[in-house]
N, C-alpha and C. Protein backbone atom coordinates (compact mmCIF):
# COMPACT_ATOMS: atom_id res chain seq x y z
N MET A 1 1.83 27.18 9.81
CA MET A 1 2.36 26.75 8.43
C MET A 1 3.51 27.48 7.79
N GLY A 2 4.40 26.95 7.51
CA GLY A 2 5.50 27.64 6.86
C GLY A 2 5.70 27.31 5.24
N ASP A 3 6.61 27.94 4.75
CA ASP A 3 6.78 27.81 3.31
C ASP A 3 7.94 26.76 2.98
N LYS A 4 8.52 26.18 4.08
CA LYS A 4 9.55 25.28 4.12
C LYS A 4 9.00 23.70 3.91
N THR A 5 9.82 23.12 3.11
CA THR A 5 9.39 21.67 2.68
C THR A 5 10.83 21.00 3.16
N GLU A 6 10.52 19.97 3.95
CA GLU A 6 11.75 19.19 4.24
C GLU A 6 11.54 17.70 3.53
N VAL A 7 12.50 17.31 2.74
CA VAL A 7 12.54 15.99 2.14
C VAL A 7 13.38 15.02 2.96
N ILE A 8 12.90 13.97 3.31
CA ILE A 8 13.56 12.90 4.09
C ILE A 8 13.64 11.79 3.10
N GLU A 9 14.71 11.29 2.87
CA GLU A 9 14.99 9.92 2.03
C GLU A 9 15.41 8.92 2.79
N ARG A 10 14.48 7.94 2.89
CA ARG A 10 14.89 6.68 3.66
C ARG A 10 14.72 5.49 2.65
N PRO A 11 15.63 4.93 2.08
CA PRO A 11 15.31 3.73 1.10
C PRO A 11 14.90 2.48 2.11
N VAL A 12 13.74 2.03 1.29
CA VAL A 12 12.96 0.67 1.93
C VAL A 12 13.78 -0.40 1.39
N PRO A 13 14.42 -1.37 2.26
CA PRO A 13 15.10 -2.59 1.90
C PRO A 13 14.20 -3.47 0.92
N GLN A 14 14.58 -3.95 -0.15
CA GLN A 14 13.86 -4.80 -0.95
C GLN A 14 13.79 -6.29 -0.47
N LYS A 15 14.53 -6.51 0.39
CA LYS A 15 14.63 -7.78 1.29
C LYS A 15 14.47 -7.57 2.77
N ILE A 16 13.55 -8.07 3.56
CA ILE A 16 13.49 -8.02 4.91
C ILE A 16 13.97 -9.18 5.60
N ALA A 17 15.07 -9.03 6.60
CA ALA A 17 15.53 -10.03 7.27
C ALA A 17 14.48 -11.10 7.72
N GLY A 18 14.82 -12.33 7.52
CA GLY A 18 13.52 -13.35 8.25
C GLY A 18 12.43 -13.58 7.33
N ILE A 19 12.38 -12.76 6.34
CA ILE A 19 11.00 -12.89 5.49
C ILE A 19 11.65 -13.30 4.04
N GLU A 20 11.12 -14.55 3.56
CA GLU A 20 11.54 -14.95 2.43
C GLU A 20 10.43 -14.06 1.15
N ASP A 21 10.67 -14.30 0.02
CA ASP A 21 10.10 -13.35 -1.04
C ASP A 21 8.70 -13.60 -0.80
N GLU A 22 7.92 -12.77 -0.14
CA GLU A 22 6.57 -12.76 0.06
C GLU A 22 5.94 -11.82 -0.93
N GLY A 23 6.64 -10.97 -1.98
CA GLY A 23 5.90 -10.32 -2.89
C GLY A 23 5.76 -8.78 -2.61
N TYR A 24 5.61 -8.29 -1.45
CA TYR A 24 5.44 -7.09 -0.98
C TYR A 24 6.53 -6.22 -1.44
N GLN A 25 7.85 -6.71 -1.53
CA GLN A 25 9.00 -5.93 -2.00
C GLN A 25 8.60 -5.18 -3.25
N PHE A 26 7.89 -5.64 -4.06
CA PHE A 26 7.48 -5.16 -5.35
C PHE A 26 6.57 -4.02 -5.37
N GLU A 27 5.63 -4.21 -4.21
CA GLU A 27 4.64 -3.23 -4.05
C GLU A 27 5.44 -2.03 -3.36
N ILE A 28 6.41 -2.07 -2.55
CA ILE A 28 6.99 -0.97 -1.69
C ILE A 28 8.02 -0.31 -2.88
N ALA A 29 8.32 -1.12 -3.89
CA ALA A 29 9.39 -0.57 -4.79
C ALA A 29 8.46 0.38 -5.67
N HIS A 30 7.31 0.03 -6.06
CA HIS A 30 6.35 0.70 -6.90
C HIS A 30 5.97 1.91 -6.14
N VAL A 31 5.47 1.89 -4.94
CA VAL A 31 4.95 2.95 -4.18
C VAL A 31 6.06 4.02 -3.97
N ASN A 32 7.27 3.61 -3.73
CA ASN A 32 8.36 4.61 -3.75
C ASN A 32 8.65 5.32 -5.02
N GLN A 33 8.53 4.43 -6.05
CA GLN A 33 8.91 5.12 -7.49
C GLN A 33 7.76 6.26 -7.64
N CYS A 34 6.50 5.64 -7.33
CA CYS A 34 5.32 6.67 -7.64
C CYS A 34 5.66 8.11 -6.66
N ILE A 35 6.10 7.96 -5.45
CA ILE A 35 6.44 9.18 -4.70
C ILE A 35 7.40 9.88 -5.32
N ARG A 36 8.49 9.41 -5.65
CA ARG A 36 9.64 9.99 -6.35
C ARG A 36 9.01 10.70 -7.66
N ASP A 37 8.28 10.06 -8.22
CA ASP A 37 7.60 10.65 -9.61
C ASP A 37 6.61 11.72 -9.33
N GLY A 38 6.25 11.83 -8.11
CA GLY A 38 5.20 12.90 -7.78
C GLY A 38 3.73 12.27 -8.02
N ILE A 39 3.57 10.94 -8.46
CA ILE A 39 2.32 10.41 -8.72
C ILE A 39 1.43 10.28 -7.55
N LYS A 40 0.22 10.51 -7.64
CA LYS A 40 -0.65 10.37 -6.62
C LYS A 40 -1.44 9.13 -6.34
N GLU A 41 -1.72 8.54 -7.74
CA GLU A 41 -2.33 7.27 -7.84
C GLU A 41 -1.56 6.52 -8.76
N SER A 42 -1.43 5.24 -8.42
CA SER A 42 -0.61 4.28 -9.22
C SER A 42 -1.34 3.97 -10.37
N PRO A 43 -0.64 3.86 -11.60
CA PRO A 43 -1.26 3.61 -12.97
C PRO A 43 -1.39 2.02 -12.91
N VAL A 44 -0.67 1.32 -12.15
CA VAL A 44 -0.84 -0.24 -12.16
C VAL A 44 -2.12 -0.68 -11.38
N MET A 45 -2.38 0.08 -10.01
CA MET A 45 -3.47 -0.27 -9.34
C MET A 45 -4.16 1.21 -8.81
N THR A 46 -5.26 1.28 -9.33
CA THR A 46 -5.87 2.74 -9.37
C THR A 46 -6.71 2.55 -7.93
N TRP A 47 -7.06 3.77 -7.53
CA TRP A 47 -7.86 3.92 -6.09
C TRP A 47 -9.31 3.30 -6.49
N GLU A 48 -9.75 3.31 -7.76
CA GLU A 48 -11.10 2.38 -8.10
C GLU A 48 -10.96 1.07 -7.74
N GLU A 49 -9.99 0.66 -8.49
CA GLU A 49 -9.63 -0.85 -8.36
C GLU A 49 -9.30 -1.19 -6.82
N THR A 50 -8.69 -0.38 -5.95
CA THR A 50 -8.33 -0.88 -4.65
C THR A 50 -9.68 -0.82 -3.90
N VAL A 51 -10.58 0.23 -4.08
CA VAL A 51 -11.88 0.25 -3.42
C VAL A 51 -12.77 -0.99 -3.77
N SER A 52 -12.75 -1.22 -4.92
CA SER A 52 -13.50 -2.39 -5.35
C SER A 52 -12.97 -3.66 -4.75
N ILE A 53 -11.69 -3.95 -4.44
CA ILE A 53 -11.14 -5.16 -3.89
C ILE A 53 -11.58 -5.06 -2.51
N LEU A 54 -11.49 -3.92 -1.73
CA LEU A 54 -12.02 -3.64 -0.29
C LEU A 54 -13.34 -4.15 -0.16
N LYS A 55 -14.03 -3.77 -1.03
CA LYS A 55 -15.51 -3.86 -0.97
C LYS A 55 -15.96 -5.49 -1.05
N GLN A 56 -15.08 -6.11 -1.89
CA GLN A 56 -15.12 -7.49 -2.03
C GLN A 56 -14.73 -8.36 -0.70
N CYS A 57 -13.73 -7.68 -0.22
CA CYS A 57 -13.15 -8.31 1.06
C CYS A 57 -14.20 -8.21 2.12
N ASP A 58 -14.92 -6.99 2.19
CA ASP A 58 -15.90 -6.88 3.44
C ASP A 58 -17.08 -7.74 3.06
N MET A 59 -17.36 -7.79 1.79
CA MET A 59 -18.53 -8.77 1.37
C MET A 59 -18.26 -10.28 1.97
N LEU A 60 -17.06 -10.57 1.69
CA LEU A 60 -16.56 -12.01 2.20
C LEU A 60 -16.75 -12.29 3.50
N ARG A 61 -15.96 -11.16 4.26
CA ARG A 61 -16.03 -11.12 5.75
C ARG A 61 -17.33 -11.39 6.27
N LYS A 62 -18.28 -10.58 5.84
CA LYS A 62 -19.72 -10.59 6.21
C LYS A 62 -20.25 -12.03 5.96
N GLN A 63 -20.12 -12.68 4.67
CA GLN A 63 -20.74 -13.91 4.33
C GLN A 63 -20.04 -15.01 5.32
N TRP A 64 -18.85 -14.99 5.81
CA TRP A 64 -18.12 -15.69 6.56
C TRP A 64 -18.37 -15.54 8.17
N GLY A 65 -18.84 -14.29 8.48
CA GLY A 65 -18.95 -14.03 9.79
C GLY A 65 -17.76 -13.82 10.32
N LEU A 66 -16.79 -13.39 9.65
CA LEU A 66 -15.47 -13.01 10.08
C LEU A 66 -15.37 -11.73 10.74
N LYS A 67 -14.99 -11.50 12.12
CA LYS A 67 -14.95 -10.06 12.68
C LYS A 67 -13.52 -9.96 13.38
N TYR A 68 -13.02 -8.79 13.32
CA TYR A 68 -11.64 -8.40 13.86
C TYR A 68 -12.02 -7.75 15.18
N PRO A 69 -11.02 -7.82 16.03
CA PRO A 69 -11.31 -7.10 17.54
C PRO A 69 -11.80 -5.56 17.21
N GLN A 70 -11.39 -4.92 16.37
CA GLN A 70 -11.73 -3.52 16.26
C GLN A 70 -12.99 -3.31 15.48
N ASP A 71 -13.64 -4.31 15.11
CA ASP A 71 -14.94 -4.23 14.17
C ASP A 71 -16.03 -3.77 15.35
């Protein structure tokens, strides 16, 4: 472990070739801004909200009997 920090900047395109406006470009831009601002948790989508949504998805998958190969 050293004391050196390396910053690598790679802009993420807001439009991806072959993909119409799917909406993810806005999430990408927001995450990039949070990273630039040194924010570890989005004020728009908190970790608590994210975990709540994932629990709902897990519950629905269980109710539907939906299983992915890695499950």
